């Protein structure tokens, strides 16, 4: 799962910096093989940091990251695997 072609929606391209996009894919690649088809990343400012909450339901997974950032953003990102491709999209585009 998630080892297929990867795509980004226009919303992600226009609102999520490329280093964060890459960070999300790396987070998924670092997960154990048993992965949920839906990975969720919630972004929020936290002082001078970008807080990122990475979650999935089955198996249950939850991890929080803090990355230094001059311009932290608030957004919710879904990454969905469909067996033939994976798509990163804003929750508002779902």
PDB file of N, CA and C in Angstrom:
ATOM      1  N   UNK A   1       0.846  -1.182   0.000  1.00  0.00           N
ATOM      2  CA  UNK A   1       0.000   0.000   0.000  1.00  0.00           C
ATOM      3  C   UNK A   1       0.890   1.243   0.000  1.00  0.00           C
ATOM      4  N   UNK A   2       0.508   2.255  -0.733  1.00  0.00           N
ATOM      5  CA  UNK A   2       1.234   3.519  -0.882  1.00  0.00           C
ATOM      6  C   UNK A   2       2.564   3.364  -1.626  1.00  0.00           C
ATOM      7  N   UNK A   3       2.747   2.248  -2.330  1.00  0.00           N
ATOM      8  CA  UNK A   3       3.968   2.078  -3.120  1.00  0.00           C
ATOM      9  C   UNK A   3       3.645   2.127  -4.621  1.00  0.00           C
ATOM     10  N   UNK A   4       2.750   3.017  -4.969  1.00  0.00           N
ATOM     11  CA  UNK A   4       2.278   3.185  -6.335  1.00  0.00           C
ATOM     12  C   UNK A   4       2.481   4.652  -6.748  1.00  0.00           C
ATOM     13  N   UNK A   5       2.101   5.035  -7.979  1.00  0.00           N
ATOM     14  CA  UNK A   5       2.248   6.454  -8.363  1.00  0.00           C
ATOM     15  C   UNK A   5       1.520   7.373  -7.384  1.00  0.00           C
ATOM     16  N   UNK A   6       2.135   8.529  -7.134  1.00  0.00           N
ATOM     17  CA  UNK A   6       1.614   9.475  -6.144  1.00  0.00           C
ATOM     18  C   UNK A   6       1.227  10.777  -6.822  1.00  0.00           C
ATOM     19  N   UNK A   7       0.058  11.296  -6.442  1.00  0.00           N
ATOM     20  CA  UNK A   7      -0.466  12.506  -7.059  1.00  0.00           C
ATOM     21  C   UNK A   7      -0.857  13.531  -6.001  1.00  0.00           C
ATOM     22  N   UNK A   8      -0.856  14.793  -6.422  1.00  0.00           N
ATOM     23  CA  UNK A   8      -1.264  15.904  -5.564  1.00  0.00           C
ATOM     24  C   UNK A   8      -2.396  16.637  -6.258  1.00  0.00           C
ATOM     25  N   UNK A   9      -3.359  17.114  -5.492  1.00  0.00           N
ATOM     26  CA  UNK A   9      -4.415  17.934  -6.072  1.00  0.00           C
ATOM     27  C   UNK A   9      -3.906  19.372  -6.204  1.00  0.00           C
ATOM     28  N   UNK A  10      -4.634  20.174  -6.974  1.00  0.00           N
ATOM     29  CA  UNK A  10      -4.276  21.594  -7.138  1.00  0.00           C
ATOM     30  C   UNK A  10      -4.293  22.318  -5.791  1.00  0.00           C
ATOM     31  N   UNK A  11      -5.218  21.955  -4.929  1.00  0.00           N
ATOM     32  CA  UNK A  11      -5.296  22.591  -3.612  1.00  0.00           C
ATOM     33  C   UNK A  11      -4.032  22.382  -2.808  1.00  0.00           C
ATOM     34  N   UNK A  12      -3.501  21.174  -2.845  1.00  0.00           N
ATOM     35  CA  UNK A  12      -2.256  20.876  -2.127  1.00  0.00           C
ATOM     36  C   UNK A  12      -1.097  21.633  -2.758  1.00  0.00           C
ATOM     37  N   UNK A  13      -1.015  21.609  -4.065  1.00  0.00           N
ATOM     38  CA  UNK A  13       0.070  22.294  -4.772  1.00  0.00           C
ATOM     39  C   UNK A  13       0.077  23.786  -4.440  1.00  0.00           C
ATOM     40  N   UNK A  14      -1.114  24.379  -4.342  1.00  0.00           N
ATOM     41  CA  UNK A  14      -1.222  25.822  -4.123  1.00  0.00           C
ATOM     42  C   UNK A  14      -1.130  26.257  -2.663  1.00  0.00           C
ATOM     43  N   UNK A  15      -1.325  25.341  -1.711  1.00  0.00           N
ATOM     44  CA  UNK A  15      -1.381  25.797  -0.316  1.00  0.00           C
ATOM     45  C   UNK A  15      -0.432  25.086   0.649  1.00  0.00           C
ATOM     46  N   UNK A  16       0.166  23.991   0.236  1.00  0.00           N
ATOM     47  CA  UNK A  16       1.071  23.244   1.120  1.00  0.00           C
ATOM     48  C   UNK A  16       2.485  23.323   0.551  1.00  0.00           C
ATOM     49  N   UNK A  17       3.437  23.863   1.310  1.00  0.00           N
ATOM     50  CA  UNK A  17       4.813  23.974   0.816  1.00  0.00           C
ATOM     51  C   UNK A  17       5.389  22.597   0.453  1.00  0.00           C
ATOM     52  N   UNK A  18       6.170  22.525  -0.624  1.00  0.00           N
ATOM     53  CA  UNK A  18       6.752  21.240  -1.045  1.00  0.00           C
ATOM     54  C   UNK A  18       7.508  20.494   0.054  1.00  0.00           C
ATOM     55  N   UNK A  19       8.259  21.161   0.943  1.00  0.00           N
ATOM     56  CA  UNK A  19       8.923  20.371   2.002  1.00  0.00           C
ATOM     57  C   UNK A  19       7.922  19.634   2.909  1.00  0.00           C
ATOM     58  N   UNK A  20       6.759  20.241   3.164  1.00  0.00           N
ATOM     59  CA  UNK A  20       5.742  19.544   3.971  1.00  0.00           C
ATOM     60  C   UNK A  20       5.126  18.399   3.181  1.00  0.00           C
ATOM     61  N   UNK A  21       4.883  18.605   1.896  1.00  0.00           N
ATOM     62  CA  UNK A  21       4.352  17.523   1.064  1.00  0.00           C
ATOM     63  C   UNK A  21       5.272  16.318   1.143  1.00  0.00           C
ATOM     64  N   UNK A  22       6.563  16.551   0.991  1.00  0.00           N
ATOM     65  CA  UNK A  22       7.542  15.468   1.056  1.00  0.00           C
ATOM     66  C   UNK A  22       7.559  14.835   2.452  1.00  0.00           C
ATOM     67  N   UNK A  23       7.464  15.650   3.486  1.00  0.00           N
ATOM     68  CA  UNK A  23       7.436  15.146   4.855  1.00  0.00           C
ATOM     69  C   UNK A  23       6.274  14.169   5.051  1.00  0.00           C
ATOM     70  N   UNK A  24       5.095  14.479   4.512  1.00  0.00           N
ATOM     71  CA  UNK A  24       3.928  13.592   4.657  1.00  0.00           C
ATOM     72  C   UNK A  24       4.200  12.228   4.014  1.00  0.00           C
ATOM     73  N   UNK A  25       4.775  12.239   2.794  1.00  0.00           N
ATOM     74  CA  UNK A  25       5.066  10.968   2.118  1.00  0.00           C
ATOM     75  C   UNK A  25       6.090  10.166   2.920  1.00  0.00           C
ATOM     76  N   UNK A  26       7.092  10.844   3.478  1.00  0.00           N
ATOM     77  CA  UNK A  26       8.107  10.152   4.284  1.00  0.00           C
ATOM     78  C   UNK A  26       7.463   9.529   5.523  1.00  0.00           C
ATOM     79  N   UNK A  27       6.551  10.256   6.165  1.00  0.00           N
ATOM     80  CA  UNK A  27       5.848   9.709   7.332  1.00  0.00           C
ATOM     81  C   UNK A  27       5.132   8.417   6.973  1.00  0.00           C
ATOM     82  N   UNK A  28       4.479   8.387   5.836  1.00  0.00           N
ATOM     83  CA  UNK A  28       3.765   7.181   5.408  1.00  0.00           C
ATOM     84  C   UNK A  28       4.757   6.065   5.094  1.00  0.00           C
ATOM     85  N   UNK A  29       5.849   6.403   4.415  1.00  0.00           N
ATOM     86  CA  UNK A  29       6.845   5.385   4.076  1.00  0.00           C
ATOM     87  C   UNK A  29       7.472   4.749   5.322  1.00  0.00           C
ATOM     88  N   UNK A  30       7.513   5.481   6.416  1.00  0.00           N
ATOM     89  CA  UNK A  30       8.128   4.979   7.654  1.00  0.00           C
ATOM     90  C   UNK A  30       7.172   4.112   8.479  1.00  0.00           C
ATOM     91  N   UNK A  31       5.899   4.058   8.111  1.00  0.00           N
ATOM     92  CA  UNK A  31       4.932   3.238   8.849  1.00  0.00           C
ATOM     93  C   UNK A  31       5.192   1.757   8.622  1.00  0.00           C
ATOM     94  N   UNK A  32       4.796   0.926   9.583  1.00  0.00           N
ATOM     95  CA  UNK A  32       4.868  -0.529   9.353  1.00  0.00           C
ATOM     96  C   UNK A  32       4.003  -0.908   8.153  1.00  0.00           C
ATOM     97  N   UNK A  33       4.205  -2.098   7.633  1.00  0.00           N
ATOM     98  CA  UNK A  33       3.496  -2.521   6.424  1.00  0.00           C
ATOM     99  C   UNK A  33       1.977  -2.514   6.557  1.00  0.00           C
ATOM    100  N   UNK A  34       1.462  -2.824   7.729  1.00  0.00           N
ATOM    101  CA  UNK A  34       0.008  -2.776   7.889  1.00  0.00           C
ATOM    102  C   UNK A  34      -0.404  -1.313   8.013  1.00  0.00           C
ATOM    103  N   UNK A  35      -1.018  -0.790   6.939  1.00  0.00           N
ATOM    104  CA  UNK A  35      -1.371   0.628   6.890  1.00  0.00           C
ATOM    105  C   UNK A  35      -2.824   0.796   6.473  1.00  0.00           C
ATOM    106  N   UNK A  36      -3.432   1.806   7.024  1.00  0.00           N
ATOM    107  CA  UNK A  36      -4.780   2.184   6.612  1.00  0.00           C
ATOM    108  C   UNK A  36      -4.696   2.869   5.253  1.00  0.00           C
ATOM    109  N   UNK A  37      -5.705   2.668   4.412  1.00  0.00           N
ATOM    110  CA  UNK A  37      -5.721   3.310   3.094  1.00  0.00           C
ATOM    111  C   UNK A  37      -5.874   4.827   3.210  1.00  0.00           C
ATOM    112  N   UNK A  38      -6.316   5.316   4.383  1.00  0.00           N
ATOM    113  CA  UNK A  38      -6.520   6.744   4.606  1.00  0.00           C
ATOM    114  C   UNK A  38      -5.593   7.228   5.717  1.00  0.00           C
ATOM    115  N   UNK A  39      -4.708   8.141   5.367  1.00  0.00           N
ATOM    116  CA  UNK A  39      -3.810   8.769   6.327  1.00  0.00           C
ATOM    117  C   UNK A  39      -4.224  10.228   6.457  1.00  0.00           C
ATOM    118  N   UNK A  40      -4.271  10.734   7.680  1.00  0.00           N
ATOM    119  CA  UNK A  40      -4.743  12.095   7.937  1.00  0.00           C
ATOM    120  C   UNK A  40      -3.627  12.898   8.601  1.00  0.00           C
ATOM    121  N   UNK A  41      -3.422  14.109   8.101  1.00  0.00           N
ATOM    122  CA  UNK A  41      -2.439  15.037   8.661  1.00  0.00           C
ATOM    123  C   UNK A  41      -3.156  16.339   8.990  1.00  0.00           C
ATOM    124  N   UNK A  42      -3.145  16.715  10.266  1.00  0.00           N
ATOM    125  CA  UNK A  42      -3.760  17.978  10.694  1.00  0.00           C
ATOM    126  C   UNK A  42      -2.651  18.953  11.048  1.00  0.00           C
ATOM    127  N   UNK A  43      -2.663  20.106  10.388  1.00  0.00           N
ATOM    128  CA  UNK A  43      -1.634  21.121  10.575  1.00  0.00           C
ATOM    129  C   UNK A  43      -2.200  22.284  11.371  1.00  0.00           C
ATOM    130  N   UNK A  44      -1.389  22.788  12.309  1.00  0.00           N
ATOM    131  CA  UNK A  44      -1.807  23.938  13.114  1.00  0.00           C
ATOM    132  C   UNK A  44      -0.557  24.661  13.618  1.00  0.00           C
ATOM    133  N   UNK A  45      -0.646  25.982  13.786  1.00  0.00           N
ATOM    134  CA  UNK A  45       0.474  26.715  14.395  1.00  0.00           C
ATOM    135  C   UNK A  45       0.626  26.316  15.862  1.00  0.00           C
ATOM    136  N   UNK A  46       1.867  26.303  16.325  1.00  0.00           N
ATOM    137  CA  UNK A  46       2.152  26.007  17.730  1.00  0.00           C
ATOM    138  C   UNK A  46       3.386  26.816  18.102  1.00  0.00           C
ATOM    139  N   UNK A  47       3.159  28.035  18.572  1.00  0.00           N
ATOM    140  CA  UNK A  47       4.280  28.940  18.834  1.00  0.00           C
ATOM    141  C   UNK A  47       4.992  29.243  17.529  1.00  0.00           C
ATOM    142  N   UNK A  48       6.285  29.075  17.485  1.00  0.00           N
ATOM    143  CA  UNK A  48       7.051  29.267  16.259  1.00  0.00           C
ATOM    144  C   UNK A  48       7.237  27.984  15.483  1.00  0.00           C
ATOM    145  N   UNK A  49       6.335  27.038  15.690  1.00  0.00           N
ATOM    146  CA  UNK A  49       6.447  25.733  15.055  1.00  0.00           C
ATOM    147  C   UNK A  49       5.212  25.407  14.224  1.00  0.00           C
ATOM    148  N   UNK A  50       5.405  24.479  13.292  1.00  0.00           N
ATOM    149  CA  UNK A  50       4.292  23.874  12.569  1.00  0.00           C
ATOM    150  C   UNK A  50       4.004  22.563  13.279  1.00  0.00           C
ATOM    151  N   UNK A  51       2.823  22.455  13.878  1.00  0.00           N
ATOM    152  CA  UNK A  51       2.419  21.194  14.506  1.00  0.00           C
ATOM    153  C   UNK A  51       1.739  20.333  13.458  1.00  0.00           C
ATOM    154  N   UNK A  52       2.114  19.071  13.410  1.00  0.00           N
ATOM    155  CA  UNK A  52       1.525  18.121  12.462  1.00  0.00           C
ATOM    156  C   UNK A  52       1.072  16.903  13.244  1.00  0.00           C
ATOM    157  N   UNK A  53      -0.224  16.627  13.212  1.00  0.00           N
ATOM    158  CA  UNK A  53      -0.778  15.424  13.839  1.00  0.00           C
ATOM    159  C   UNK A  53      -1.070  14.425  12.726  1.00  0.00           C
ATOM    160  N   UNK A  54      -0.403  13.287  12.768  1.00  0.00           N
ATOM    161  CA  UNK A  54      -0.586  12.230  11.773  1.00  0.00           C
ATOM    162  C   UNK A  54      -1.396  11.117  12.422  1.00  0.00           C
ATOM    163  N   UNK A  55      -2.540  10.783  11.820  1.00  0.00           N
ATOM    164  CA  UNK A  55      -3.403   9.747  12.370  1.00  0.00           C
ATOM    165  C   UNK A  55      -3.919   8.813  11.284  1.00  0.00           C
ATOM    166  N   UNK A  56      -4.314   7.629  11.710  1.00  0.00           N
ATOM    167  CA  UNK A  56      -5.069   6.697  10.873  1.00  0.00           C
ATOM    168  C   UNK A  56      -5.927   5.855  11.816  1.00  0.00           C
ATOM    169  N   UNK A  57      -6.944   5.229  11.254  1.00  0.00           N
ATOM    170  CA  UNK A  57      -7.897   4.495  12.096  1.00  0.00           C
ATOM    171  C   UNK A  57      -7.593   3.007  12.219  1.00  0.00           C
ATOM    172  N   UNK A  58      -7.190   2.355  11.124  1.00  0.00           N
ATOM    173  CA  UNK A  58      -7.054   0.900  11.141  1.00  0.00           C
ATOM    174  C   UNK A  58      -5.755   0.475  10.483  1.00  0.00           C
ATOM    175  N   UNK A  59      -4.713   0.121  11.164  1.00  0.00           N
ATOM    176  CA  UNK A  59      -4.639   0.097  12.621  1.00  0.00           C
ATOM    177  C   UNK A  59      -4.543   1.515  13.180  1.00  0.00           C
ATOM    178  N   UNK A  60      -4.958   1.666  14.404  1.00  0.00           N
ATOM    179  CA  UNK A  60      -4.950   2.982  15.025  1.00  0.00           C
ATOM    180  C   UNK A  60      -3.514   3.494  15.132  1.00  0.00           C
ATOM    181  N   UNK A  61      -3.337   4.741  14.718  1.00  0.00           N
ATOM    182  CA  UNK A  61      -2.007   5.358  14.737  1.00  0.00           C
ATOM    183  C   UNK A  61      -2.169   6.836  15.058  1.00  0.00           C
ATOM    184  N   UNK A  62      -1.245   7.352  15.878  1.00  0.00           N
ATOM    185  CA  UNK A  62      -1.277   8.773  16.235  1.00  0.00           C
ATOM    186  C   UNK A  62       0.143   9.215  16.585  1.00  0.00           C
ATOM    187  N   UNK A  63       0.604  10.240  15.898  1.00  0.00           N
ATOM    188  CA  UNK A  63       1.923  10.791  16.199  1.00  0.00           C
ATOM    189  C   UNK A  63       1.878  12.289  15.932  1.00  0.00           C
ATOM    190  N   UNK A  64       2.562  13.060  16.779  1.00  0.00           N
ATOM    191  CA  UNK A  64       2.602  14.516  16.641  1.00  0.00           C
ATOM    192  C   UNK A  64       4.043  14.942  16.388  1.00  0.00           C
ATOM    193  N   UNK A  65       4.208  15.823  15.405  1.00  0.00           N
ATOM    194  CA  UNK A  65       5.507  16.372  15.052  1.00  0.00           C
ATOM    195  C   UNK A  65       5.472  17.884  15.227  1.00  0.00           C
ATOM    196  N   UNK A  66       6.586  18.462  15.618  1.00  0.00           N
ATOM    197  CA  UNK A  66       6.748  19.912  15.665  1.00  0.00           C
ATOM    198  C   UNK A  66       7.955  20.265  14.800  1.00  0.00           C
ATOM    199  N   UNK A  67       7.707  21.080  13.775  1.00  0.00           N
ATOM    200  CA  UNK A  67       8.770  21.508  12.876  1.00  0.00           C
ATOM    201  C   UNK A  67       8.918  23.021  12.962  1.00  0.00           C
ATOM    202  N   UNK A  68      10.142  23.538  13.017  1.00  0.00           N
ATOM    203  CA  UNK A  68      10.316  24.992  13.026  1.00  0.00           C
ATOM    204  C   UNK A  68       9.675  25.596  11.771  1.00  0.00           C
ATOM    205  N   UNK A  69       9.006  26.735  11.938  1.00  0.00           N
ATOM    206  CA  UNK A  69       8.345  27.365  10.792  1.00  0.00           C
ATOM    207  C   UNK A  69       8.160  28.853  11.033  1.00  0.00           C
ATOM    208  N   UNK A  70       8.467  29.647  10.016  1.00  0.00           N
ATOM    209  CA  UNK A  70       8.200  31.080  10.065  1.00  0.00           C
ATOM    210  C   UNK A  70       6.746  31.388   9.734  1.00  0.00           C
ATOM    211  N   UNK A  71       6.110  30.499   8.968  1.00  0.00           N
ATOM    212  CA  UNK A  71       4.732  30.704   8.528  1.00  0.00           C
ATOM    213  C   UNK A  71       3.908  29.430   8.693  1.00  0.00           C
ATOM    214  N   UNK A  72       3.626  29.019   9.928  1.00  0.00           N
ATOM    215  CA  UNK A  72       2.820  27.807  10.105  1.00  0.00           C
ATOM    216  C   UNK A  72       1.411  28.009   9.540  1.00  0.00           C
ATOM    217  N   UNK A  73       0.823  26.931   9.081  1.00  0.00           N
ATOM    218  CA  UNK A  73      -0.506  26.994   8.474  1.00  0.00           C
ATOM    219  C   UNK A  73      -1.476  26.091   9.221  1.00  0.00           C
ATOM    220  N   UNK A  74      -2.753  26.335   8.992  1.00  0.00           N
ATOM    221  CA  UNK A  74      -3.818  25.498   9.531  1.00  0.00           C
ATOM    222  C   UNK A  74      -4.503  24.823   8.354  1.00  0.00           C
ATOM    223  N   UNK A  75      -4.466  23.504   8.340  1.00  0.00           N
ATOM    224  CA  UNK A  75      -5.058  22.762   7.222  1.00  0.00           C
ATOM    225  C   UNK A  75      -5.188  21.307   7.620  1.00  0.00           C
ATOM    226  N   UNK A  76      -6.074  20.599   6.950  1.00  0.00           N
ATOM    227  CA  UNK A  76      -6.222  19.158   7.149  1.00  0.00           C
ATOM    228  C   UNK A  76      -5.998  18.495   5.789  1.00  0.00           C
ATOM    229  N   UNK A  77      -5.116  17.494   5.786  1.00  0.00           N
ATOM    230  CA  UNK A  77      -4.709  16.814   4.561  1.00  0.00           C
ATOM    231  C   UNK A  77      -5.091  15.337   4.655  1.00  0.00           C
ATOM    232  N   UNK A  78      -5.643  14.816   3.564  1.00  0.00           N
ATOM    233  CA  UNK A  78      -5.881  13.376   3.446  1.00  0.00           C
ATOM    234  C   UNK A  78      -4.925  12.826   2.402  1.00  0.00           C
ATOM    235  N   UNK A  79      -4.401  11.646   2.672  1.00  0.00           N
ATOM    236  CA  UNK A  79      -3.673  10.899   1.654  1.00  0.00           C
ATOM    237  C   UNK A  79      -4.369   9.552   1.556  1.00  0.00           C
ATOM    238  N   UNK A  80      -4.875   9.278   0.362  1.00  0.00           N
ATOM    239  CA  UNK A  80      -5.711   8.097   0.141  1.00  0.00           C
ATOM    240  C   UNK A  80      -5.042   7.172  -0.863  1.00  0.00           C
ATOM    241  N   UNK A  81      -4.954   5.895  -0.516  1.00  0.00           N
ATOM    242  CA  UNK A  81      -4.410   4.884  -1.419  1.00  0.00           C
ATOM    243  C   UNK A  81      -5.562   4.119  -2.060  1.00  0.00           C
ATOM    244  N   UNK A  82      -5.548   4.008  -3.381  1.00  0.00           N
ATOM    245  CA  UNK A  82      -6.619   3.294  -4.079  1.00  0.00           C
ATOM    246  C   UNK A  82      -6.120   1.994  -4.711  1.00  0.00           C
ATOM    247  N   UNK A  83      -4.983   1.490  -4.301  1.00  0.00           N
ATOM    248  CA  UNK A  83      -4.315   0.295  -4.828  1.00  0.00           C
ATOM    249  C   UNK A  83      -3.577   0.540  -6.141  1.00  0.00           C
ATOM    250  N   UNK A  84      -4.040   1.463  -6.983  1.00  0.00           N
ATOM    251  CA  UNK A  84      -3.335   1.753  -8.234  1.00  0.00           C
ATOM    252  C   UNK A  84      -2.599   3.089  -8.192  1.00  0.00           C
ATOM    253  N   UNK A  85      -3.016   3.978  -7.298  1.00  0.00           N
ATOM    254  CA  UNK A  85      -2.340   5.269  -7.117  1.00  0.00           C
ATOM    255  C   UNK A  85      -2.689   5.827  -5.750  1.00  0.00           C
ATOM    256  N   UNK A  86      -1.892   6.801  -5.284  1.00  0.00           N
ATOM    257  CA  UNK A  86      -2.149   7.482  -4.011  1.00  0.00           C
ATOM    258  C   UNK A  86      -2.319   8.964  -4.292  1.00  0.00           C
ATOM    259  N   UNK A  87      -3.257   9.580  -3.596  1.00  0.00           N
ATOM    260  CA  UNK A  87      -3.554  10.996  -3.819  1.00  0.00           C
ATOM    261  C   UNK A  87      -3.496  11.759  -2.520  1.00  0.00           C
ATOM    262  N   UNK A  88      -2.794  12.897  -2.542  1.00  0.00           N
ATOM    263  CA  UNK A  88      -2.751  13.826  -1.422  1.00  0.00           C
ATOM    264  C   UNK A  88      -3.715  14.959  -1.758  1.00  0.00           C
ATOM    265  N   UNK A  89      -4.672  15.216  -0.857  1.00  0.00           N
ATOM    266  CA  UNK A  89      -5.658  16.262  -1.110  1.00  0.00           C
ATOM    267  C   UNK A  89      -6.005  16.984   0.176  1.00  0.00           C
ATOM    268  N   UNK A  90      -6.485  18.207   0.036  1.00  0.00           N
ATOM    269  CA  UNK A  90      -6.997  18.931   1.181  1.00  0.00           C
ATOM    270  C   UNK A  90      -8.303  18.297   1.595  1.00  0.00           C
ATOM    271  N   UNK A  91      -8.592  18.278   2.877  1.00  0.00           N
ATOM    272  CA  UNK A  91      -9.867  17.715   3.354  1.00  0.00           C
ATOM    273  C   UNK A  91     -11.046  18.435   2.697  1.00  0.00           C
ATOM    274  N   UNK A  92     -10.892  19.716   2.441  1.00  0.00           N
ATOM    275  CA  UNK A  92     -11.976  20.485   1.805  1.00  0.00           C
ATOM    276  C   UNK A  92     -12.203  20.086   0.359  1.00  0.00           C
ATOM    277  N   UNK A  93     -11.269  19.359  -0.257  1.00  0.00           N
ATOM    278  CA  UNK A  93     -11.429  18.893  -1.643  1.00  0.00           C
ATOM    279  C   UNK A  93     -12.072  17.507  -1.711  1.00  0.00           C
ATOM    280  N   UNK A  94     -12.280  16.877  -0.584  1.00  0.00           N
ATOM    281  CA  UNK A  94     -12.818  15.513  -0.566  1.00  0.00           C
ATOM    282  C   UNK A  94     -14.268  15.479  -0.940  1.00  0.00           C
TER     283      UNK A  94
END
